[in-house]
Amino acid sequence: MKDLATFQDAFQRAVIDGDEDVLPDIAENAKEDRRVLLGVYRNAYVLRLIEFLANDYDKLHGVLGDDRFDEMARAYVKAYPSHSRNARWFGLKLPEFLKETQPYSAEPLLADMAGIERALADVFDAEDAPVLSLEDLTAIAPDDWPGLTFSPHPATRRLDITTNADEIWRALHNAKEPPEPEKPDEPRRVIAYRDDGMATFRVMAADEAMMWDEAANGVTFSVLCEMVAMFAGEDEAPARAAGYLQGWLGSGMLANS
């Protein structure tokens, strides 16, 4: 008989990796042999991981239904075994899995739904960094505004989706009948952020999303205005860019760093 630590390590490998070196050390009983008993633990472990996924991706669960979600989750467990003691990180790669793995990759709605839910979870768990406010900007001299740069708050996530997953997510969230899946001509530009401690998201206009992405790359405010002018024209660009900036400040989407 192995010592306790060695047995525990071998049993963990048996449950997670399918290693059966531990079988001789599992006591049989009058009803079942050791292989069946080990299978009970393996199945319970997988069911627990599926439960974690269902909690983290409940709207995706709603789209797939119980049977398809169970099938998908088992495939994900096999492709991405858990290597962390924290269940929060187990489903981290599910959006990528759905985007890259057949038959799920043939339904882009699934990866989009998972991407939204992943972003919301990340935003909810993000650190409570200081938020840049409108009052902070009023102290800046007008001559310094052209060179201003802005940093996204840690509790923000930007993603593009290729379907109307945002509309379907909201319908399910509000217990309404979701619309049929559609694939718009252009990607929908989504920003997830924290509003009064709650994770939420909205769809950005194309020029706002471009402005946000470039601001995140350190582009100055004057250049951002020039880029917005490609959408709105030179006369309207400053006011339009200032309006987007004011919205970000009001939603706590920028960091005071």
C-alpha atoms as a PDB file:
ATOM      1  CA  MET A   1       0.000   0.000   0.000  1.00  0.00           C
ATOM      2  CA  LYS A   2       1.331   3.448  -0.945  1.00  0.00           C
ATOM      3  CA  ASP A   3       1.711   6.162   1.668  1.00  0.00           C
ATOM      4  CA  LEU A   4      -1.175   8.639   1.835  1.00  0.00           C
ATOM      5  CA  ALA A   5       0.475  11.441  -0.163  1.00  0.00           C
ATOM      6  CA  THR A   6       1.565   9.066  -2.936  1.00  0.00           C
ATOM      7  CA  PHE A   7      -1.887   7.468  -3.034  1.00  0.00           C
ATOM      8  CA  GLN A   8      -3.592  10.881  -3.232  1.00  0.00           C
ATOM      9  CA  ASP A   9      -1.331  11.929  -6.086  1.00  0.00           C
ATOM     10  CA  ALA A  10      -1.979   8.684  -7.959  1.00  0.00           C
ATOM     11  CA  PHE A  11      -5.727   8.936  -7.340  1.00  0.00           C
ATOM     12  CA  GLN A  12      -5.771  12.499  -8.666  1.00  0.00           C
ATOM     13  CA  ARG A  13      -3.993  11.416 -11.849  1.00  0.00           C
ATOM     14  CA  ALA A  14      -6.488   8.577 -12.204  1.00  0.00           C
ATOM     15  CA  VAL A  15      -9.482  10.917 -11.938  1.00  0.00           C
ATOM     16  CA  ILE A  16      -8.104  13.787 -14.031  1.00  0.00           C
ATOM     17  CA  ASP A  17      -5.778  12.124 -16.536  1.00  0.00           C
ATOM     18  CA  GLY A  18      -7.179   8.599 -16.818  1.00  0.00           C
ATOM     19  CA  ASP A  19      -4.047   7.007 -15.320  1.00  0.00           C
ATOM     20  CA  GLU A  20      -4.925   3.630 -13.758  1.00  0.00           C
ATOM     21  CA  ASP A  21      -1.786   2.931 -11.704  1.00  0.00           C
ATOM     22  CA  VAL A  22      -3.857   3.459  -8.579  1.00  0.00           C
ATOM     23  CA  LEU A  23      -6.304   0.630  -9.336  1.00  0.00           C
ATOM     24  CA  PRO A  24      -4.532  -2.055  -7.242  1.00  0.00           C
ATOM     25  CA  ASP A  25      -4.771   0.219  -4.188  1.00  0.00           C
ATOM     26  CA  ILE A  26      -8.540   0.756  -4.438  1.00  0.00           C
ATOM     27  CA  ALA A  27     -10.456  -1.622  -2.202  1.00  0.00           C
ATOM     28  CA  GLU A  28     -13.267  -3.534  -3.871  1.00  0.00           C
ATOM     29  CA  ASN A  29     -16.548  -4.371  -2.179  1.00  0.00           C
ATOM     30  CA  ALA A  30     -19.189  -7.054  -2.569  1.00  0.00           C
ATOM     31  CA  LYS A  31     -21.187  -5.003  -5.071  1.00  0.00           C
ATOM     32  CA  GLU A  32     -18.670  -3.363  -7.393  1.00  0.00           C
ATOM     33  CA  ASP A  33     -15.101  -3.906  -8.502  1.00  0.00           C
ATOM     34  CA  ARG A  34     -12.422  -1.238  -8.184  1.00  0.00           C
ATOM     35  CA  ARG A  35     -12.638  -0.132 -11.831  1.00  0.00           C
ATOM     36  CA  VAL A  36     -16.339   0.716 -11.468  1.00  0.00           C
ATOM     37  CA  LEU A  37     -15.691   2.531  -8.200  1.00  0.00           C
ATOM     38  CA  LEU A  38     -12.975   4.623  -9.809  1.00  0.00           C
ATOM     39  CA  GLY A  39     -15.358   5.399 -12.652  1.00  0.00           C
ATOM     40  CA  VAL A  40     -17.839   6.843 -10.163  1.00  0.00           C
ATOM     41  CA  TYR A  41     -15.253   9.357  -8.990  1.00  0.00           C
ATOM     42  CA  ARG A  42     -14.232  10.200 -12.547  1.00  0.00           C
ATOM     43  CA  ASN A  43     -17.819  10.828 -13.573  1.00  0.00           C
ATOM     44  CA  ALA A  44     -18.502  12.943 -10.479  1.00  0.00           C
ATOM     45  CA  TYR A  45     -15.427  15.031 -11.238  1.00  0.00           C
ATOM     46  CA  VAL A  46     -16.522  15.677 -14.821  1.00  0.00           C
ATOM     47  CA  LEU A  47     -20.071  16.509 -13.708  1.00  0.00           C
ATOM     48  CA  ARG A  48     -18.677  19.044 -11.260  1.00  0.00           C
ATOM     49  CA  LEU A  49     -16.647  20.712 -13.997  1.00  0.00           C
ATOM     50  CA  ILE A  50     -19.720  20.804 -16.243  1.00  0.00           C
ATOM     51  CA  GLU A  51     -21.588  22.501 -13.400  1.00  0.00           C
ATOM     52  CA  PHE A  52     -18.877  25.172 -13.222  1.00  0.00           C
ATOM     53  CA  LEU A  53     -19.225  25.815 -16.956  1.00  0.00           C
ATOM     54  CA  ALA A  54     -23.015  25.990 -16.715  1.00  0.00           C
ATOM     55  CA  ASN A  55     -22.741  28.601 -13.967  1.00  0.00           C
ATOM     56  CA  ASP A  56     -20.196  30.697 -15.854  1.00  0.00           C
ATOM     57  CA  TYR A  57     -21.968  30.429 -19.218  1.00  0.00           C
ATOM     58  CA  ASP A  58     -25.633  30.209 -18.316  1.00  0.00           C
ATOM     59  CA  LYS A  59     -26.872  32.115 -21.406  1.00  0.00           C
ATOM     60  CA  LEU A  60     -24.830  29.815 -23.653  1.00  0.00           C
ATOM     61  CA  HIS A  61     -26.431  26.948 -21.753  1.00  0.00           C
ATOM     62  CA  GLY A  62     -29.814  28.453 -22.574  1.00  0.00           C
ATOM     63  CA  VAL A  63     -28.985  28.606 -26.287  1.00  0.00           C
ATOM     64  CA  LEU A  64     -27.633  25.048 -26.498  1.00  0.00           C
ATOM     65  CA  GLY A  65     -30.102  23.329 -24.183  1.00  0.00           C
ATOM     66  CA  ASP A  66     -29.195  20.713 -21.581  1.00  0.00           C
ATOM     67  CA  ASP A  67     -28.179  17.865 -23.867  1.00  0.00           C
ATOM     68  CA  ARG A  68     -26.035  19.855 -26.307  1.00  0.00           C
ATOM     69  CA  PHE A  69     -24.426  21.833 -23.493  1.00  0.00           C
ATOM     70  CA  ASP A  70     -23.524  18.602 -21.696  1.00  0.00           C
ATOM     71  CA  GLU A  71     -22.027  17.189 -24.892  1.00  0.00           C
ATOM     72  CA  MET A  72     -20.072  20.377 -25.562  1.00  0.00           C
ATOM     73  CA  ALA A  73     -18.869  20.653 -21.975  1.00  0.00           C
ATOM     74  CA  ARG A  74     -17.570  17.084 -21.950  1.00  0.00           C
ATOM     75  CA  ALA A  75     -15.624  17.799 -25.139  1.00  0.00           C
ATOM     76  CA  TYR A  76     -14.176  20.929 -23.516  1.00  0.00           C
ATOM     77  CA  VAL A  77     -13.202  19.022 -20.355  1.00  0.00           C
ATOM     78  CA  LYS A  78     -11.338  16.546 -22.531  1.00  0.00           C
ATOM     79  CA  ALA A  79      -9.621  19.261 -24.572  1.00  0.00           C
ATOM     80  CA  TYR A  80      -8.773  21.521 -21.626  1.00  0.00           C
ATOM     81  CA  PRO A  81      -8.357  19.534 -18.398  1.00  0.00           C
ATOM     82  CA  SER A  82      -8.423  21.656 -15.274  1.00  0.00           C
ATOM     83  CA  HIS A  83      -4.963  22.574 -13.966  1.00  0.00           C
ATOM     84  CA  SER A  84      -6.001  25.108 -11.334  1.00  0.00           C
ATOM     85  CA  ARG A  85      -7.464  24.723  -7.868  1.00  0.00           C
ATOM     86  CA  ASN A  86      -9.623  27.768  -8.594  1.00  0.00           C
ATOM     87  CA  ALA A  87     -12.676  26.767 -10.641  1.00  0.00           C
ATOM     88  CA  ARG A  88     -13.053  30.379 -11.779  1.00  0.00           C
ATOM     89  CA  TRP A  89     -10.346  29.833 -14.400  1.00  0.00           C
ATOM     90  CA  PHE A  90     -11.506  26.479 -15.735  1.00  0.00           C
ATOM     91  CA  GLY A  91     -13.742  27.904 -18.480  1.00  0.00           C
ATOM     92  CA  LEU A  92     -11.294  30.605 -19.536  1.00  0.00           C
ATOM     93  CA  LYS A  93     -10.674  29.142 -23.006  1.00  0.00           C
ATOM     94  CA  LEU A  94     -14.248  28.168 -23.831  1.00  0.00           C
ATOM     95  CA  PRO A  95     -14.808  31.023 -26.343  1.00  0.00           C
ATOM     96  CA  GLU A  96     -11.672  29.958 -28.242  1.00  0.00           C
ATOM     97  CA  PHE A  97     -12.693  26.306 -28.043  1.00  0.00           C
ATOM     98  CA  LEU A  98     -16.088  27.064 -29.575  1.00  0.00           C
ATOM     99  CA  LYS A  99     -14.527  29.206 -32.296  1.00  0.00           C
ATOM    100  CA  GLU A 100     -11.956  26.588 -33.302  1.00  0.00           C
ATOM    101  CA  THR A 101     -13.649  23.209 -32.698  1.00  0.00           C
ATOM    102  CA  GLN A 102     -16.156  21.434 -34.907  1.00  0.00           C
ATOM    103  CA  PRO A 103     -19.117  21.188 -34.901  1.00  0.00           C
ATOM    104  CA  TYR A 104     -19.381  24.312 -32.708  1.00  0.00           C
ATOM    105  CA  SER A 105     -17.211  26.490 -34.962  1.00  0.00           C
ATOM    106  CA  ALA A 106     -19.908  26.170 -37.632  1.00  0.00           C
ATOM    107  CA  GLU A 107     -22.214  28.172 -35.331  1.00  0.00           C
ATOM    108  CA  PRO A 108     -20.444  31.494 -34.633  1.00  0.00           C
ATOM    109  CA  LEU A 109     -23.257  32.505 -32.289  1.00  0.00           C
ATOM    110  CA  LEU A 110     -21.903  30.065 -29.693  1.00  0.00           C
ATOM    111  CA  ALA A 111     -18.411  31.594 -29.518  1.00  0.00           C
ATOM    112  CA  ASP A 112     -19.956  35.070 -29.466  1.00  0.00           C
ATOM    113  CA  MET A 113     -22.252  34.178 -26.560  1.00  0.00           C
ATOM    114  CA  ALA A 114     -19.343  32.672 -24.658  1.00  0.00           C
ATOM    115  CA  GLY A 115     -17.196  35.707 -25.436  1.00  0.00           C
ATOM    116  CA  ILE A 116     -19.768  38.077 -23.950  1.00  0.00           C
ATOM    117  CA  GLU A 117     -20.151  35.979 -20.821  1.00  0.00           C
ATOM    118  CA  ARG A 118     -16.384  35.629 -20.445  1.00  0.00           C
ATOM    119  CA  ALA A 119     -15.983  39.414 -20.748  1.00  0.00           C
ATOM    120  CA  LEU A 120     -18.675  40.049 -18.141  1.00  0.00           C
ATOM    121  CA  ALA A 121     -17.032  37.632 -15.706  1.00  0.00           C
ATOM    122  CA  ASP A 122     -13.617  39.228 -16.233  1.00  0.00           C
ATOM    123  CA  VAL A 123     -15.051  42.709 -15.733  1.00  0.00           C
ATOM    124  CA  PHE A 124     -16.823  41.670 -12.539  1.00  0.00           C
ATOM    125  CA  ASP A 125     -13.635  40.194 -11.071  1.00  0.00           C
ATOM    126  CA  ALA A 126     -11.297  42.985 -12.197  1.00  0.00           C
ATOM    127  CA  GLU A 127      -9.370  45.050  -9.676  1.00  0.00           C
ATOM    128  CA  ASP A 128     -10.859  48.199  -8.168  1.00  0.00           C
ATOM    129  CA  ALA A 129      -8.422  50.669  -9.683  1.00  0.00           C
ATOM    130  CA  PRO A 130      -8.994  54.447  -9.398  1.00  0.00           C
ATOM    131  CA  VAL A 131     -11.426  55.815 -11.988  1.00  0.00           C
ATOM    132  CA  LEU A 132     -10.748  58.896 -14.102  1.00  0.00           C
ATOM    133  CA  SER A 133     -13.554  61.429 -13.640  1.00  0.00           C
ATOM    134  CA  LEU A 134     -14.690  64.547 -15.468  1.00  0.00           C
ATOM    135  CA  GLU A 135     -13.527  66.572 -12.477  1.00  0.00           C
ATOM    136  CA  ASP A 136     -10.008  65.201 -12.963  1.00  0.00           C
ATOM    137  CA  LEU A 137      -9.954  66.525 -16.518  1.00  0.00           C
ATOM    138  CA  THR A 138     -11.203  70.012 -15.623  1.00  0.00           C
ATOM    139  CA  ALA A 139      -7.892  70.632 -13.874  1.00  0.00           C
ATOM    140  CA  ILE A 140      -5.998  70.154 -17.128  1.00  0.00           C
ATOM    141  CA  ALA A 141      -5.061  73.287 -19.057  1.00  0.00           C
ATOM    142  CA  PRO A 142      -6.724  73.626 -22.493  1.00  0.00           C
ATOM    143  CA  ASP A 143      -3.318  73.753 -24.191  1.00  0.00           C
ATOM    144  CA  ASP A 144      -2.515  70.311 -22.770  1.00  0.00           C
ATOM    145  CA  TRP A 145      -5.609  68.574 -24.131  1.00  0.00           C
ATOM    146  CA  PRO A 146      -4.216  67.704 -27.584  1.00  0.00           C
ATOM    147  CA  GLY A 147      -1.475  65.592 -25.983  1.00  0.00           C
ATOM    148  CA  LEU A 148      -3.730  63.787 -23.517  1.00  0.00           C
ATOM    149  CA  THR A 149      -3.742  59.993 -23.498  1.00  0.00           C
ATOM    150  CA  PHE A 150      -6.214  57.701 -21.778  1.00  0.00           C
ATOM    151  CA  SER A 151      -5.970  54.234 -20.237  1.00  0.00           C
ATOM    152  CA  PRO A 152      -8.862  51.743 -20.125  1.00  0.00           C
ATOM    153  CA  HIS A 153      -9.935  50.825 -16.620  1.00  0.00           C
ATOM    154  CA  PRO A 154      -9.015  47.215 -15.702  1.00  0.00           C
ATOM    155  CA  ALA A 155     -12.759  46.510 -15.438  1.00  0.00           C
ATOM    156  CA  THR A 156     -13.318  46.884 -19.190  1.00  0.00           C
ATOM    157  CA  ARG A 157     -13.166  44.397 -22.048  1.00  0.00           C
ATOM    158  CA  ARG A 158     -13.544  45.076 -25.786  1.00  0.00           C
ATOM    159  CA  LEU A 159     -14.597  42.384 -28.219  1.00  0.00           C
ATOM    160  CA  ASP A 160     -16.070  42.098 -31.690  1.00  0.00           C
ATOM    161  CA  ILE A 161     -18.854  39.640 -32.407  1.00  0.00           C
ATOM    162  CA  THR A 162     -20.088  38.485 -35.796  1.00  0.00           C
ATOM    163  CA  THR A 163     -23.687  37.688 -34.800  1.00  0.00           C
ATOM    164  CA  ASN A 164     -26.555  39.274 -32.876  1.00  0.00           C
ATOM    165  CA  ALA A 165     -25.424  37.456 -29.717  1.00  0.00           C
ATOM    166  CA  ASP A 166     -25.853  40.671 -27.730  1.00  0.00           C
ATOM    167  CA  GLU A 167     -29.573  40.791 -28.527  1.00  0.00           C
ATOM    168  CA  ILE A 168     -30.006  37.108 -27.741  1.00  0.00           C
ATOM    169  CA  TRP A 169     -28.106  37.490 -24.452  1.00  0.00           C
ATOM    170  CA  ARG A 170     -30.315  40.389 -23.359  1.00  0.00           C
ATOM    171  CA  ALA A 171     -33.508  38.560 -24.277  1.00  0.00           C
ATOM    172  CA  LEU A 172     -32.476  35.525 -22.245  1.00  0.00           C
ATOM    173  CA  HIS A 173     -31.357  37.764 -19.372  1.00  0.00           C
ATOM    174  CA  ASN A 174     -34.801  39.398 -19.332  1.00  0.00           C
ATOM    175  CA  ALA A 175     -36.599  36.037 -19.659  1.00  0.00           C
ATOM    176  CA  LYS A 176     -37.934  36.966 -23.098  1.00  0.00           C
ATOM    177  CA  GLU A 177     -38.086  34.993 -26.320  1.00  0.00           C
ATOM    178  CA  PRO A 178     -34.743  35.531 -28.062  1.00  0.00           C
ATOM    179  CA  PRO A 179     -34.586  36.612 -31.707  1.00  0.00           C
ATOM    180  CA  GLU A 180     -33.377  34.249 -34.382  1.00  0.00           C
ATOM    181  CA  PRO A 181     -29.586  34.176 -34.847  1.00  0.00           C
ATOM    182  CA  GLU A 182     -28.369  36.594 -37.499  1.00  0.00           C
ATOM    183  CA  LYS A 183     -25.016  37.552 -38.961  1.00  0.00           C
ATOM    184  CA  PRO A 184     -24.838  41.310 -39.653  1.00  0.00           C
ATOM    185  CA  ASP A 185     -22.847  42.681 -42.578  1.00  0.00           C
ATOM    186  CA  GLU A 186     -20.316  44.202 -40.165  1.00  0.00           C
ATOM    187  CA  PRO A 187     -19.059  43.014 -36.767  1.00  0.00           C
ATOM    188  CA  ARG A 188     -20.819  44.346 -33.710  1.00  0.00           C
ATOM    189  CA  ARG A 189     -18.357  46.165 -31.454  1.00  0.00           C
ATOM    190  CA  VAL A 190     -19.020  45.351 -27.808  1.00  0.00           C
ATOM    191  CA  ILE A 191     -17.605  46.970 -24.687  1.00  0.00           C
ATOM    192  CA  ALA A 192     -18.083  45.319 -21.282  1.00  0.00           C
ATOM    193  CA  TYR A 193     -17.585  47.427 -18.174  1.00  0.00           C
ATOM    194  CA  ARG A 194     -18.605  47.758 -14.547  1.00  0.00           C
ATOM    195  CA  ASP A 195     -21.457  50.127 -13.719  1.00  0.00           C
ATOM    196  CA  ASP A 196     -22.061  50.714  -9.994  1.00  0.00           C
ATOM    197  CA  GLY A 197     -20.365  47.410  -9.217  1.00  0.00           C
ATOM    198  CA  MET A 198     -22.358  45.411 -11.763  1.00  0.00           C
ATOM    199  CA  ALA A 199     -20.898  44.000 -14.963  1.00  0.00           C
ATOM    200  CA  THR A 200     -22.738  45.135 -18.078  1.00  0.00           C
ATOM    201  CA  PHE A 201     -22.086  45.720 -21.764  1.00  0.00           C
ATOM    202  CA  ARG A 202     -23.256  47.729 -24.757  1.00  0.00           C
ATOM    203  CA  VAL A 203     -22.618  47.932 -28.478  1.00  0.00           C
ATOM    204  CA  MET A 204     -20.407  50.792 -29.666  1.00  0.00           C
ATOM    205  CA  ALA A 205     -20.699  52.751 -32.892  1.00  0.00           C
ATOM    206  CA  ALA A 206     -17.896  52.020 -35.332  1.00  0.00           C
ATOM    207  CA  ASP A 207     -16.095  55.337 -34.757  1.00  0.00           C
ATOM    208  CA  GLU A 208     -16.407  55.075 -30.984  1.00  0.00           C
ATOM    209  CA  ALA A 209     -14.944  51.566 -31.018  1.00  0.00           C
ATOM    210  CA  MET A 210     -12.093  52.744 -33.234  1.00  0.00           C
ATOM    211  CA  MET A 211     -11.457  55.671 -30.892  1.00  0.00           C
ATOM    212  CA  TRP A 212     -11.485  53.382 -27.860  1.00  0.00           C
ATOM    213  CA  ASP A 213      -9.118  50.860 -29.416  1.00  0.00           C
ATOM    214  CA  GLU A 214      -6.661  53.558 -30.485  1.00  0.00           C
ATOM    215  CA  ALA A 215      -6.873  55.306 -27.109  1.00  0.00           C
ATOM    216  CA  ALA A 216      -6.003  51.988 -25.484  1.00  0.00           C
ATOM    217  CA  ASN A 217      -2.888  51.968 -27.680  1.00  0.00           C
ATOM    218  CA  GLY A 218      -1.786  55.352 -26.322  1.00  0.00           C
ATOM    219  CA  VAL A 219      -2.909  57.572 -29.201  1.00  0.00           C
ATOM    220  CA  THR A 220      -3.290  61.220 -28.160  1.00  0.00           C
ATOM    221  CA  PHE A 221      -6.612  63.033 -28.032  1.00  0.00           C
ATOM    222  CA  SER A 222      -5.760  65.293 -30.981  1.00  0.00           C
ATOM    223  CA  VAL A 223      -5.021  62.281 -33.175  1.00  0.00           C
ATOM    224  CA  LEU A 224      -8.171  60.557 -31.948  1.00  0.00           C
ATOM    225  CA  CYS A 225     -10.182  63.552 -33.113  1.00  0.00           C
ATOM    226  CA  GLU A 226      -8.511  63.365 -36.522  1.00  0.00           C
ATOM    227  CA  MET A 227      -9.419  59.704 -36.770  1.00  0.00           C
ATOM    228  CA  VAL A 228     -13.039  60.347 -35.777  1.00  0.00           C
ATOM    229  CA  ALA A 229     -13.138  62.965 -38.551  1.00  0.00           C
ATOM    230  CA  MET A 230     -12.909  60.130 -41.058  1.00  0.00           C
ATOM    231  CA  PHE A 231     -16.389  59.118 -39.896  1.00  0.00           C
ATOM    232  CA  ALA A 232     -18.014  62.403 -38.903  1.00  0.00           C
ATOM    233  CA  GLY A 233     -16.142  65.094 -40.852  1.00  0.00           C
ATOM    234  CA  GLU A 234     -13.709  67.669 -39.505  1.00  0.00           C
ATOM    235  CA  ASP A 235     -16.360  70.068 -38.198  1.00  0.00           C
ATOM    236  CA  GLU A 236     -18.190  67.491 -36.090  1.00  0.00           C
ATOM    237  CA  ALA A 237     -15.235  65.357 -35.025  1.00  0.00           C
ATOM    238  CA  PRO A 238     -14.125  67.286 -31.887  1.00  0.00           C
ATOM    239  CA  ALA A 239     -17.624  67.402 -30.426  1.00  0.00           C
ATOM    240  CA  ARG A 240     -18.249  63.780 -31.313  1.00  0.00           C
ATOM    241  CA  ALA A 241     -14.949  62.649 -29.769  1.00  0.00           C
ATOM    242  CA  ALA A 242     -15.631  64.747 -26.662  1.00  0.00           C
ATOM    243  CA  GLY A 243     -19.072  63.160 -26.383  1.00  0.00           C
ATOM    244  CA  TYR A 244     -17.636  59.669 -26.470  1.00  0.00           C
ATOM    245  CA  LEU A 245     -15.015  60.662 -23.900  1.00  0.00           C
ATOM    246  CA  GLN A 246     -17.681  62.079 -21.615  1.00  0.00           C
ATOM    247  CA  GLY A 247     -19.629  58.830 -21.871  1.00  0.00           C
ATOM    248  CA  TRP A 248     -16.562  56.798 -20.920  1.00  0.00           C
ATOM    249  CA  LEU A 249     -15.918  59.039 -17.941  1.00  0.00           C
ATOM    250  CA  GLY A 250     -19.530  58.833 -16.793  1.00  0.00           C
ATOM    251  CA  SER A 251     -19.422  55.029 -16.969  1.00  0.00           C
ATOM    252  CA  GLY A 252     -16.104  54.718 -15.115  1.00  0.00           C
ATOM    253  CA  MET A 253     -14.420  53.131 -18.123  1.00  0.00           C
ATOM    254  CA  LEU A 254     -11.098  55.007 -17.856  1.00  0.00           C
ATOM    255  CA  ALA A 255      -8.378  54.570 -15.285  1.00  0.00           C
ATOM    256  CA  ASN A 256      -6.886  57.440 -13.316  1.00  0.00           C
ATOM    257  CA  SER A 257      -3.264  56.469 -13.793  1.00  0.00           C
END
